[in-house]
Structures are given as structure tokens and as C-alpha cells.
Amino acid sequence: MTPNHLSRARINGILLAHEDEALSVEELRQRACSELLRQAAMQAGLLAEDDPAPAGGAMSEAASAAVEALLDRELAVPEPSEEACRRHHAAQSGRYAVGERIQVRHVLFAVTPGVDVNALRQRAEGCLLDVRCAAADGEDRFAMAAAATSNCPSGADGGALGWLTSDDCAPEFARELFGKPEVGVLPRLVHSRFGLHVVEVLAREPGRVPAFETVKSAVAQALRQQTFTTALRQYLQWLAGQARIEGVDLEASATPLVQ
């Protein structure tokens, strides 16, 4: 994100970032969503009008509490029925497996301060296309790509991460890999807090799927989170429609960016 663009990013006139900050597009969208909620809390009378604008993206303690109160009031998250939980468990049983292991290698394109995220994504997509379309010429194109371009130390070993369990990975990385049948180079980039990954699953060892009663509470929590995510996305879209937004594209985000 260029400094000039950051200086134009505002929600109802409130600046989202300073020129000396290096933010990715996703980080700027997250700040925009947070500011929409902070201002909505003010309008709802849950936060003082003189609450200071976030410094470096960090809300005041009062603003954080007010946003929580706002979401509790505005977002309806009904308790999932047992029938819905059972259907979800039957359809997504793999995600609750215990002891699943996968053998993985990857090429990491790290998101670092000041990096051009769009250019980085183009490089990652080019790498993904290259390793998926590599001819069967005896060369290990994946290992070559990892050695040449990966920002992970595993690049020196062809990108090999060895055998992993879900506990060995960042949660967002694990969600993309575990509980699925895919083997081979994944047809999509995997996003994590570290950056963009081109991933190849070399082998899988399936885990044991516990009985529904054993994981009932986890299933219910997963469904509550899905409902909350959908409600939050819709609420943010409504708030964005009422606001004056400059220098940031919220429509391009497929998921809520507020943490």
C-alpha cells in the first residue's frame, strides 16, 4: 500500500493510517471495518463522542468494550438445534478427526511490511500454475521452486515440512489442509498469517472420527461461529452503505476482517 493511498483512506473523514505506516490491503480493510463499528457504537450511544481515533489501528479500551456491546445487541446468533449439529457433523466429520496426519511441502511467499501484496499474489499464482502444469520430465519442479523462491527455511529442503498434525500448524493453515481428501498440489493458494503458500500434500494418514456426542459442543460452537460470521458480514455491509468511505475497497473482501 503506497503512502499516498494511505493518506486518502478514511471512514467518514477519520484517517485510517499514517503515511509512515506500511499496511497491506487486507490490514487496511480490517482497520476500515473496525472504524465502521467504532463509529456505529458512538451513534448507538455506547461510546463517548470524544473517544480518540485509533492510534496505529488500536482502539481504546472503552471503544473495544463498546463494539462488543454493539455486536451483542445487533447480531442475532441463535443456538443451533441438535438436528443441525448432527447434519453438520455427518457432512464435516473429517474436521473433527483425531490424530490425522499429512505429509506436506510448500513454497511460502511471505507478507512483510512494505510488500506489494498484489505483486506478491501474482508471483504466488504464477508459481502455483508452474508447478501444477509442470511436464513429467523427471524434474522435481516443486522442489526447484521452493529452493529458488520460498521465504521459509524449508526451501533448502525442497519445501518439505514433514508429517504434520493440525496442532503443528497455524489454525488458518490447518483449516485449509485437514479434514479433506485432497492429495497433490492444491489448486489454490493457501492464506495464513505468514503469507501465501503453494502447498503439495504428499500423503495423508486419516484420523479417528469421534462419536457425535463426544464433539457435540465443538460442533455447536462451529455452527454458532458460522452464523456470527454471516451476520457480521451483513452488518458491516449495511454500515458501509451508510458511510462515506475513501481510499479503501471494502467490497473486495469476502469475509469480515474484524478480529
C-alpha atoms as a PDB file:
ATOM      1  CA  MET A   1       0.000   0.000   0.000  1.00  0.00           C
ATOM      2  CA  THR A   2       1.580   3.301  -1.103  1.00  0.00           C
ATOM      3  CA  PRO A   3       1.877   6.230   1.343  1.00  0.00           C
ATOM      4  CA  ASN A   4      -0.266   8.480  -0.882  1.00  0.00           C
ATOM      5  CA  HIS A   5      -3.042   5.901  -0.916  1.00  0.00           C
ATOM      6  CA  LEU A   6      -2.899   5.502   2.857  1.00  0.00           C
ATOM      7  CA  SER A   7      -3.295   9.245   3.322  1.00  0.00           C
ATOM      8  CA  ARG A   8      -6.599   9.083   1.431  1.00  0.00           C
ATOM      9  CA  ALA A   9      -8.047   6.121   3.353  1.00  0.00           C
ATOM     10  CA  ARG A  10     -10.799   7.453   5.596  1.00  0.00           C
ATOM     11  CA  ILE A  11     -14.145   6.456   7.107  1.00  0.00           C
ATOM     12  CA  ASN A  12     -16.442   9.471   7.478  1.00  0.00           C
ATOM     13  CA  GLY A  13     -13.366  11.685   7.498  1.00  0.00           C
ATOM     14  CA  ILE A  14     -11.426   9.671  10.098  1.00  0.00           C
ATOM     15  CA  LEU A  15      -7.944   8.773   8.855  1.00  0.00           C
ATOM     16  CA  LEU A  16      -7.208   5.039   8.927  1.00  0.00           C
ATOM     17  CA  ALA A  17      -3.418   5.121   8.645  1.00  0.00           C
ATOM     18  CA  HIS A  18      -0.477   7.486   8.572  1.00  0.00           C
ATOM     19  CA  GLU A  19       1.919   7.857   5.674  1.00  0.00           C
ATOM     20  CA  ASP A  20       4.801   6.277   7.572  1.00  0.00           C
ATOM     21  CA  GLU A  21       2.887   3.028   8.093  1.00  0.00           C
ATOM     22  CA  ALA A  22       3.318   0.058   5.767  1.00  0.00           C
ATOM     23  CA  LEU A  23      -0.025  -1.754   5.539  1.00  0.00           C
ATOM     24  CA  SER A  24      -1.238  -4.490   3.252  1.00  0.00           C
ATOM     25  CA  VAL A  25      -4.602  -4.157   1.514  1.00  0.00           C
ATOM     26  CA  GLU A  26      -6.128  -6.651   3.974  1.00  0.00           C
ATOM     27  CA  GLU A  27      -4.769  -4.779   7.006  1.00  0.00           C
ATOM     28  CA  LEU A  28      -6.253  -1.528   5.721  1.00  0.00           C
ATOM     29  CA  ARG A  29      -9.641  -3.203   5.184  1.00  0.00           C
ATOM     30  CA  GLN A  30      -9.515  -4.555   8.718  1.00  0.00           C
ATOM     31  CA  ARG A  31      -8.940  -1.071  10.087  1.00  0.00           C
ATOM     32  CA  ALA A  32     -11.818   0.231   7.976  1.00  0.00           C
ATOM     33  CA  CYS A  33     -14.208  -2.397   9.351  1.00  0.00           C
ATOM     34  CA  SER A  34     -13.084  -1.700  12.906  1.00  0.00           C
ATOM     35  CA  GLU A  35     -13.640   2.030  12.420  1.00  0.00           C
ATOM     36  CA  LEU A  36     -17.118   1.428  10.988  1.00  0.00           C
ATOM     37  CA  LEU A  37     -18.008  -0.464  14.161  1.00  0.00           C
ATOM     38  CA  ARG A  38     -16.414   2.123  16.472  1.00  0.00           C
ATOM     39  CA  GLN A  39     -18.424   4.900  14.867  1.00  0.00           C
ATOM     40  CA  ALA A  40     -21.596   2.790  14.982  1.00  0.00           C
ATOM     41  CA  ALA A  41     -21.060   2.303  18.719  1.00  0.00           C
ATOM     42  CA  MET A  42     -20.860   6.101  19.095  1.00  0.00           C
ATOM     43  CA  GLN A  43     -24.084   6.589  17.152  1.00  0.00           C
ATOM     44  CA  ALA A  44     -25.779   3.976  19.324  1.00  0.00           C
ATOM     45  CA  GLY A  45     -24.820   5.885  22.467  1.00  0.00           C
ATOM     46  CA  LEU A  46     -22.494   3.131  23.672  1.00  0.00           C
ATOM     47  CA  LEU A  47     -19.302   5.169  23.296  1.00  0.00           C
ATOM     48  CA  ALA A  48     -18.461   8.774  24.131  1.00  0.00           C
ATOM     49  CA  GLU A  49     -18.324  11.166  21.189  1.00  0.00           C
ATOM     50  CA  ASP A  50     -14.834  12.287  22.244  1.00  0.00           C
ATOM     51  CA  ASP A  51     -13.372   8.761  22.135  1.00  0.00           C
ATOM     52  CA  PRO A  52      -9.951   9.154  20.473  1.00  0.00           C
ATOM     53  CA  ALA A  53      -9.429   7.829  16.971  1.00  0.00           C
ATOM     54  CA  PRO A  54      -7.421   4.579  16.974  1.00  0.00           C
ATOM     55  CA  ALA A  55      -3.645   5.045  17.119  1.00  0.00           C
ATOM     56  CA  GLY A  56      -1.852   2.620  14.833  1.00  0.00           C
ATOM     57  CA  GLY A  57      -5.114   0.740  14.371  1.00  0.00           C
ATOM     58  CA  ALA A  58      -5.539   0.083  18.115  1.00  0.00           C
ATOM     59  CA  MET A  59      -8.891   1.103  19.621  1.00  0.00           C
ATOM     60  CA  SER A  60      -9.207   2.495  23.112  1.00  0.00           C
ATOM     61  CA  GLU A  61     -10.298   0.055  25.803  1.00  0.00           C
ATOM     62  CA  ALA A  62     -13.647   1.835  26.007  1.00  0.00           C
ATOM     63  CA  ALA A  63     -14.144   1.506  22.239  1.00  0.00           C
ATOM     64  CA  SER A  64     -13.388  -2.214  22.273  1.00  0.00           C
ATOM     65  CA  ALA A  65     -15.943  -2.775  25.033  1.00  0.00           C
ATOM     66  CA  ALA A  66     -18.499  -0.628  23.226  1.00  0.00           C
ATOM     67  CA  VAL A  67     -18.066  -2.568  19.980  1.00  0.00           C
ATOM     68  CA  GLU A  68     -18.563  -5.845  21.853  1.00  0.00           C
ATOM     69  CA  ALA A  69     -21.762  -4.458  23.382  1.00  0.00           C
ATOM     70  CA  LEU A  70     -22.907  -3.251  19.964  1.00  0.00           C
ATOM     71  CA  LEU A  71     -22.402  -6.653  18.349  1.00  0.00           C
ATOM     72  CA  ASP A  72     -24.133  -8.416  21.223  1.00  0.00           C
ATOM     73  CA  ARG A  73     -27.122  -6.145  20.674  1.00  0.00           C
ATOM     74  CA  GLU A  74     -27.231  -6.042  16.884  1.00  0.00           C
ATOM     75  CA  LEU A  75     -26.259  -9.555  15.822  1.00  0.00           C
ATOM     76  CA  ALA A  76     -28.734 -12.339  16.438  1.00  0.00           C
ATOM     77  CA  VAL A  77     -26.906 -15.642  16.874  1.00  0.00           C
ATOM     78  CA  PRO A  78     -29.473 -18.358  17.678  1.00  0.00           C
ATOM     79  CA  GLU A  79     -28.427 -21.573  19.383  1.00  0.00           C
ATOM     80  CA  PRO A  80     -28.090 -24.344  16.761  1.00  0.00           C
ATOM     81  CA  SER A  81     -30.513 -27.238  17.077  1.00  0.00           C
ATOM     82  CA  GLU A  82     -29.262 -30.751  17.745  1.00  0.00           C
ATOM     83  CA  GLU A  83     -30.555 -31.759  14.308  1.00  0.00           C
ATOM     84  CA  ALA A  84     -28.448 -29.057  12.659  1.00  0.00           C
ATOM     85  CA  CYS A  85     -25.423 -30.118  14.708  1.00  0.00           C
ATOM     86  CA  ARG A  86     -25.849 -33.747  13.676  1.00  0.00           C
ATOM     87  CA  ARG A  87     -26.155 -32.805   9.996  1.00  0.00           C
ATOM     88  CA  HIS A  88     -23.014 -30.684  10.220  1.00  0.00           C
ATOM     89  CA  HIS A  89     -21.095 -33.447  11.980  1.00  0.00           C
ATOM     90  CA  ALA A  90     -22.136 -36.002   9.343  1.00  0.00           C
ATOM     91  CA  ALA A  91     -21.130 -33.701   6.475  1.00  0.00           C
ATOM     92  CA  GLN A  92     -17.917 -32.376   8.056  1.00  0.00           C
ATOM     93  CA  SER A  93     -16.802 -35.341  10.140  1.00  0.00           C
ATOM     94  CA  GLY A  94     -13.249 -35.104   8.825  1.00  0.00           C
ATOM     95  CA  ARG A  95     -12.632 -31.764  10.524  1.00  0.00           C
ATOM     96  CA  TYR A  96     -13.236 -33.377  13.913  1.00  0.00           C
ATOM     97  CA  ALA A  97     -10.913 -36.322  13.304  1.00  0.00           C
ATOM     98  CA  VAL A  98      -8.348 -37.019  15.999  1.00  0.00           C
ATOM     99  CA  GLY A  99      -4.827 -37.993  15.062  1.00  0.00           C
ATOM    100  CA  GLU A 100      -4.958 -37.101  11.351  1.00  0.00           C
ATOM    101  CA  ARG A 101      -1.508 -36.528   9.841  1.00  0.00           C
ATOM    102  CA  ILE A 102      -0.418 -35.168   6.492  1.00  0.00           C
ATOM    103  CA  GLN A 103       2.951 -35.049   4.769  1.00  0.00           C
ATOM    104  CA  VAL A 104       3.354 -31.615   3.248  1.00  0.00           C
ATOM    105  CA  ARG A 105       5.713 -29.346   1.421  1.00  0.00           C
ATOM    106  CA  HIS A 106       5.183 -25.719   0.495  1.00  0.00           C
ATOM    107  CA  VAL A 107       6.526 -22.586  -1.134  1.00  0.00           C
ATOM    108  CA  LEU A 108       5.989 -19.521   1.058  1.00  0.00           C
ATOM    109  CA  PHE A 109       5.553 -16.011  -0.312  1.00  0.00           C
ATOM    110  CA  ALA A 110       5.823 -14.020   2.910  1.00  0.00           C
ATOM    111  CA  VAL A 111       3.804 -10.865   3.523  1.00  0.00           C
ATOM    112  CA  THR A 112       6.223  -8.420   5.119  1.00  0.00           C
ATOM    113  CA  PRO A 113       5.953  -4.680   5.902  1.00  0.00           C
ATOM    114  CA  GLY A 114       6.010  -2.618   2.738  1.00  0.00           C
ATOM    115  CA  VAL A 115       5.499  -5.533   0.365  1.00  0.00           C
ATOM    116  CA  ASP A 116       3.290  -5.005  -2.693  1.00  0.00           C
ATOM    117  CA  VAL A 117       0.600  -7.576  -1.895  1.00  0.00           C
ATOM    118  CA  ASN A 118      -0.872  -7.597  -5.399  1.00  0.00           C
ATOM    119  CA  ALA A 119       2.525  -8.219  -6.960  1.00  0.00           C
ATOM    120  CA  LEU A 120       3.235 -10.905  -4.359  1.00  0.00           C
ATOM    121  CA  ARG A 121      -0.053 -12.657  -5.151  1.00  0.00           C
ATOM    122  CA  GLN A 122       0.768 -12.589  -8.872  1.00  0.00           C
ATOM    123  CA  ARG A 123       4.131 -14.221  -8.176  1.00  0.00           C
ATOM    124  CA  ALA A 124       2.490 -16.863  -5.989  1.00  0.00           C
ATOM    125  CA  GLU A 125      -0.185 -17.590  -8.590  1.00  0.00           C
ATOM    126  CA  GLY A 126       2.488 -17.870 -11.270  1.00  0.00           C
ATOM    127  CA  CYS A 127       4.397 -20.368  -9.133  1.00  0.00           C
ATOM    128  CA  LEU A 128       1.233 -22.375  -8.493  1.00  0.00           C
ATOM    129  CA  LEU A 129       0.446 -22.538 -12.191  1.00  0.00           C
ATOM    130  CA  ASP A 130       4.014 -23.560 -12.991  1.00  0.00           C
ATOM    131  CA  VAL A 131       4.196 -26.462 -10.545  1.00  0.00           C
ATOM    132  CA  ARG A 132       0.714 -27.700 -11.473  1.00  0.00           C
ATOM    133  CA  CYS A 133       1.448 -27.641 -15.182  1.00  0.00           C
ATOM    134  CA  ALA A 134       4.989 -28.993 -15.000  1.00  0.00           C
ATOM    135  CA  ALA A 135       5.631 -31.690 -17.575  1.00  0.00           C
ATOM    136  CA  ALA A 136       6.553 -35.168 -16.411  1.00  0.00           C
ATOM    137  CA  ASP A 137      10.158 -34.628 -17.403  1.00  0.00           C
ATOM    138  CA  GLY A 138      11.773 -36.183 -14.350  1.00  0.00           C
ATOM    139  CA  GLU A 139      12.487 -32.836 -12.709  1.00  0.00           C
ATOM    140  CA  ASP A 140      11.014 -32.003  -9.332  1.00  0.00           C
ATOM    141  CA  ARG A 141       9.692 -28.576 -10.244  1.00  0.00           C
ATOM    142  CA  PHE A 142       8.107 -28.079  -6.832  1.00  0.00           C
ATOM    143  CA  ALA A 143      11.408 -28.568  -5.023  1.00  0.00           C
ATOM    144  CA  MET A 144      13.133 -26.277  -7.522  1.00  0.00           C
ATOM    145  CA  ALA A 145      10.531 -23.546  -6.973  1.00  0.00           C
ATOM    146  CA  ALA A 146      10.840 -23.876  -3.181  1.00  0.00           C
ATOM    147  CA  ALA A 147      14.626 -23.652  -3.306  1.00  0.00           C
ATOM    148  CA  ALA A 148      14.545 -20.621  -5.596  1.00  0.00           C
ATOM    149  CA  THR A 149      11.696 -18.545  -4.196  1.00  0.00           C
ATOM    150  CA  SER A 150      10.363 -19.743  -0.817  1.00  0.00           C
ATOM    151  CA  ASN A 151      10.725 -17.383   2.144  1.00  0.00           C
ATOM    152  CA  CYS A 152      10.701 -20.367   4.514  1.00  0.00           C
ATOM    153  CA  PRO A 153      13.900 -22.141   5.653  1.00  0.00           C
ATOM    154  CA  SER A 154      12.296 -25.355   4.374  1.00  0.00           C
ATOM    155  CA  GLY A 155      13.061 -24.110   0.872  1.00  0.00           C
ATOM    156  CA  ALA A 156      16.575 -25.513   1.288  1.00  0.00           C
ATOM    157  CA  ASP A 157      14.942 -28.938   1.611  1.00  0.00           C
ATOM    158  CA  GLY A 158      12.591 -28.568  -1.333  1.00  0.00           C
ATOM    159  CA  GLY A 159       9.887 -27.033   0.832  1.00  0.00           C
ATOM    160  CA  ALA A 160       9.448 -30.185   2.929  1.00  0.00           C
ATOM    161  CA  LEU A 161       7.630 -29.702   6.235  1.00  0.00           C
ATOM    162  CA  GLY A 162       7.451 -33.405   7.039  1.00  0.00           C
ATOM    163  CA  TRP A 163       4.497 -35.061   8.759  1.00  0.00           C
ATOM    164  CA  LEU A 164       2.187 -32.576  10.497  1.00  0.00           C
ATOM    165  CA  THR A 165      -0.850 -32.697  12.744  1.00  0.00           C
ATOM    166  CA  SER A 166      -3.297 -29.816  12.966  1.00  0.00           C
ATOM    167  CA  ASP A 167      -1.648 -28.766  16.233  1.00  0.00           C
ATOM    168  CA  ASP A 168       1.625 -28.202  14.366  1.00  0.00           C
ATOM    169  CA  CYS A 169       0.116 -25.514  12.122  1.00  0.00           C
ATOM    170  CA  ALA A 170      -1.381 -22.065  12.412  1.00  0.00           C
ATOM    171  CA  PRO A 171      -5.166 -22.537  12.694  1.00  0.00           C
ATOM    172  CA  GLU A 172      -5.941 -20.847   9.377  1.00  0.00           C
ATOM    173  CA  PHE A 173      -3.358 -23.070   7.638  1.00  0.00           C
ATOM    174  CA  ALA A 174      -4.722 -26.212   9.287  1.00  0.00           C
ATOM    175  CA  ARG A 175      -8.302 -25.400   8.240  1.00  0.00           C
ATOM    176  CA  GLU A 176      -7.245 -25.498   4.586  1.00  0.00           C
ATOM    177  CA  LEU A 177      -5.400 -28.804   4.804  1.00  0.00           C
ATOM    178  CA  PHE A 178      -7.006 -31.103   7.352  1.00  0.00           C
ATOM    179  CA  GLY A 179     -10.309 -32.934   7.113  1.00  0.00           C
ATOM    180  CA  LYS A 180     -10.131 -33.010   3.320  1.00  0.00           C
ATOM    181  CA  PRO A 181      -9.380 -35.798   0.823  1.00  0.00           C
ATOM    182  CA  GLU A 182      -7.019 -33.797  -1.412  1.00  0.00           C
ATOM    183  CA  VAL A 183      -3.600 -35.199  -2.271  1.00  0.00           C
ATOM    184  CA  GLY A 184      -1.170 -33.487  -4.623  1.00  0.00           C
ATOM    185  CA  VAL A 185      -0.602 -29.805  -5.359  1.00  0.00           C
ATOM    186  CA  LEU A 186      -3.626 -27.909  -4.064  1.00  0.00           C
ATOM    187  CA  PRO A 187      -5.392 -26.000  -6.850  1.00  0.00           C
ATOM    188  CA  ARG A 188      -5.490 -22.803  -4.775  1.00  0.00           C
ATOM    189  CA  LEU A 189      -3.188 -20.612  -2.754  1.00  0.00           C
ATOM    190  CA  VAL A 190      -3.397 -21.155   0.998  1.00  0.00           C
ATOM    191  CA  HIS A 191      -3.506 -17.943   3.042  1.00  0.00           C
ATOM    192  CA  SER A 192      -2.023 -17.730   6.520  1.00  0.00           C
ATOM    193  CA  ARG A 193      -0.710 -15.062   8.887  1.00  0.00           C
ATOM    194  CA  PHE A 194       2.717 -15.668   7.335  1.00  0.00           C
ATOM    195  CA  GLY A 195       1.713 -15.047   3.742  1.00  0.00           C
ATOM    196  CA  LEU A 196       0.658 -17.031   0.679  1.00  0.00           C
ATOM    197  CA  HIS A 197       1.527 -20.702   0.320  1.00  0.00           C
ATOM    198  CA  VAL A 198       1.720 -23.029  -2.653  1.00  0.00           C
ATOM    199  CA  VAL A 199       1.082 -26.394  -0.993  1.00  0.00           C
ATOM    200  CA  GLU A 200       1.524 -30.008  -2.006  1.00  0.00           C
ATOM    201  CA  VAL A 201       0.035 -32.770   0.143  1.00  0.00           C
ATOM    202  CA  LEU A 202       2.225 -35.816  -0.415  1.00  0.00           C
ATOM    203  CA  ALA A 203       0.339 -38.277   1.773  1.00  0.00           C
ATOM    204  CA  ARG A 204      -2.436 -38.495   4.345  1.00  0.00           C
ATOM    205  CA  GLU A 205      -2.977 -40.693   7.359  1.00  0.00           C
ATOM    206  CA  PRO A 206      -6.657 -40.443   8.332  1.00  0.00           C
ATOM    207  CA  GLY A 207      -7.515 -39.891  11.942  1.00  0.00           C
ATOM    208  CA  ARG A 208     -10.256 -41.398  14.072  1.00  0.00           C
ATOM    209  CA  VAL A 209     -13.633 -39.649  13.935  1.00  0.00           C
ATOM    210  CA  PRO A 210     -15.149 -39.394  17.436  1.00  0.00           C
ATOM    211  CA  ALA A 211     -18.818 -40.094  18.034  1.00  0.00           C
ATOM    212  CA  PHE A 212     -21.133 -37.104  17.756  1.00  0.00           C
ATOM    213  CA  GLU A 213     -21.750 -36.987  21.495  1.00  0.00           C
ATOM    214  CA  THR A 214     -18.024 -36.602  22.130  1.00  0.00           C
ATOM    215  CA  VAL A 215     -17.669 -33.497  19.958  1.00  0.00           C
ATOM    216  CA  LYS A 216     -21.190 -32.094  20.260  1.00  0.00           C
ATOM    217  CA  SER A 217     -20.068 -28.891  21.993  1.00  0.00           C
ATOM    218  CA  ALA A 218     -17.359 -28.258  19.381  1.00  0.00           C
ATOM    219  CA  VAL A 219     -19.880 -28.778  16.566  1.00  0.00           C
ATOM    220  CA  ALA A 220     -22.321 -26.354  18.177  1.00  0.00           C
ATOM    221  CA  GLN A 221     -19.564 -23.761  18.568  1.00  0.00           C
ATOM    222  CA  ALA A 222     -18.588 -24.143  14.911  1.00  0.00           C
ATOM    223  CA  LEU A 223     -22.184 -23.516  13.821  1.00  0.00           C
ATOM    224  CA  ARG A 224     -22.503 -20.516  16.142  1.00  0.00           C
ATOM    225  CA  GLN A 225     -19.317 -19.090  14.639  1.00  0.00           C
ATOM    226  CA  GLN A 226     -20.631 -19.592  11.102  1.00  0.00           C
ATOM    227  CA  THR A 227     -23.852 -17.776  11.969  1.00  0.00           C
ATOM    228  CA  PHE A 228     -21.955 -14.954  13.682  1.00  0.00           C
ATOM    229  CA  THR A 229     -19.624 -14.557  10.688  1.00  0.00           C
ATOM    230  CA  THR A 230     -22.541 -14.292   8.270  1.00  0.00           C
ATOM    231  CA  ALA A 231     -24.370 -11.810  10.484  1.00  0.00           C
ATOM    232  CA  LEU A 232     -21.235  -9.697  10.966  1.00  0.00           C
ATOM    233  CA  ARG A 233     -20.573  -9.603   7.222  1.00  0.00           C
ATOM    234  CA  GLN A 234     -24.122  -8.413   6.536  1.00  0.00           C
ATOM    235  CA  TYR A 235     -23.952  -5.810   9.307  1.00  0.00           C
ATOM    236  CA  LEU A 236     -20.637  -4.437   8.025  1.00  0.00           C
ATOM    237  CA  GLN A 237     -22.079  -4.215   4.508  1.00  0.00           C
ATOM    238  CA  TRP A 238     -25.023  -2.248   5.881  1.00  0.00           C
ATOM    239  CA  LEU A 239     -22.748   0.102   7.832  1.00  0.00           C
ATOM    240  CA  ALA A 240     -20.549   0.609   4.765  1.00  0.00           C
ATOM    241  CA  GLY A 241     -23.620   1.589   2.779  1.00  0.00           C
ATOM    242  CA  GLN A 242     -24.356   4.378   5.273  1.00  0.00           C
ATOM    243  CA  ALA A 243     -20.780   5.674   5.489  1.00  0.00           C
ATOM    244  CA  ARG A 244     -18.523   7.922   3.428  1.00  0.00           C
ATOM    245  CA  ILE A 245     -15.622   5.655   2.518  1.00  0.00           C
ATOM    246  CA  GLU A 246     -12.470   6.936   0.837  1.00  0.00           C
ATOM    247  CA  GLY A 247      -9.336   5.124  -0.317  1.00  0.00           C
ATOM    248  CA  VAL A 248     -10.283   1.582   0.693  1.00  0.00           C
ATOM    249  CA  ASP A 249     -12.332  -1.037  -1.164  1.00  0.00           C
ATOM    250  CA  LEU A 250     -14.486  -2.993   1.263  1.00  0.00           C
ATOM    251  CA  GLU A 251     -16.457  -4.705  -1.489  1.00  0.00           C
ATOM    252  CA  ALA A 252     -13.377  -6.716  -2.451  1.00  0.00           C
ATOM    253  CA  SER A 253     -13.324  -8.513   0.894  1.00  0.00           C
ATOM    254  CA  ALA A 254     -15.147 -11.848   1.001  1.00  0.00           C
ATOM    255  CA  THR A 255     -15.001 -12.257   4.771  1.00  0.00           C
ATOM    256  CA  PRO A 256     -15.223  -9.976   7.777  1.00  0.00           C
ATOM    257  CA  LEU A 257     -11.839  -8.564   8.687  1.00  0.00           C
ATOM    258  CA  VAL A 258     -12.556  -7.587  12.258  1.00  0.00           C
ATOM    259  CA  GLN A 259     -10.818  -9.691  14.879  1.00  0.00           C
END
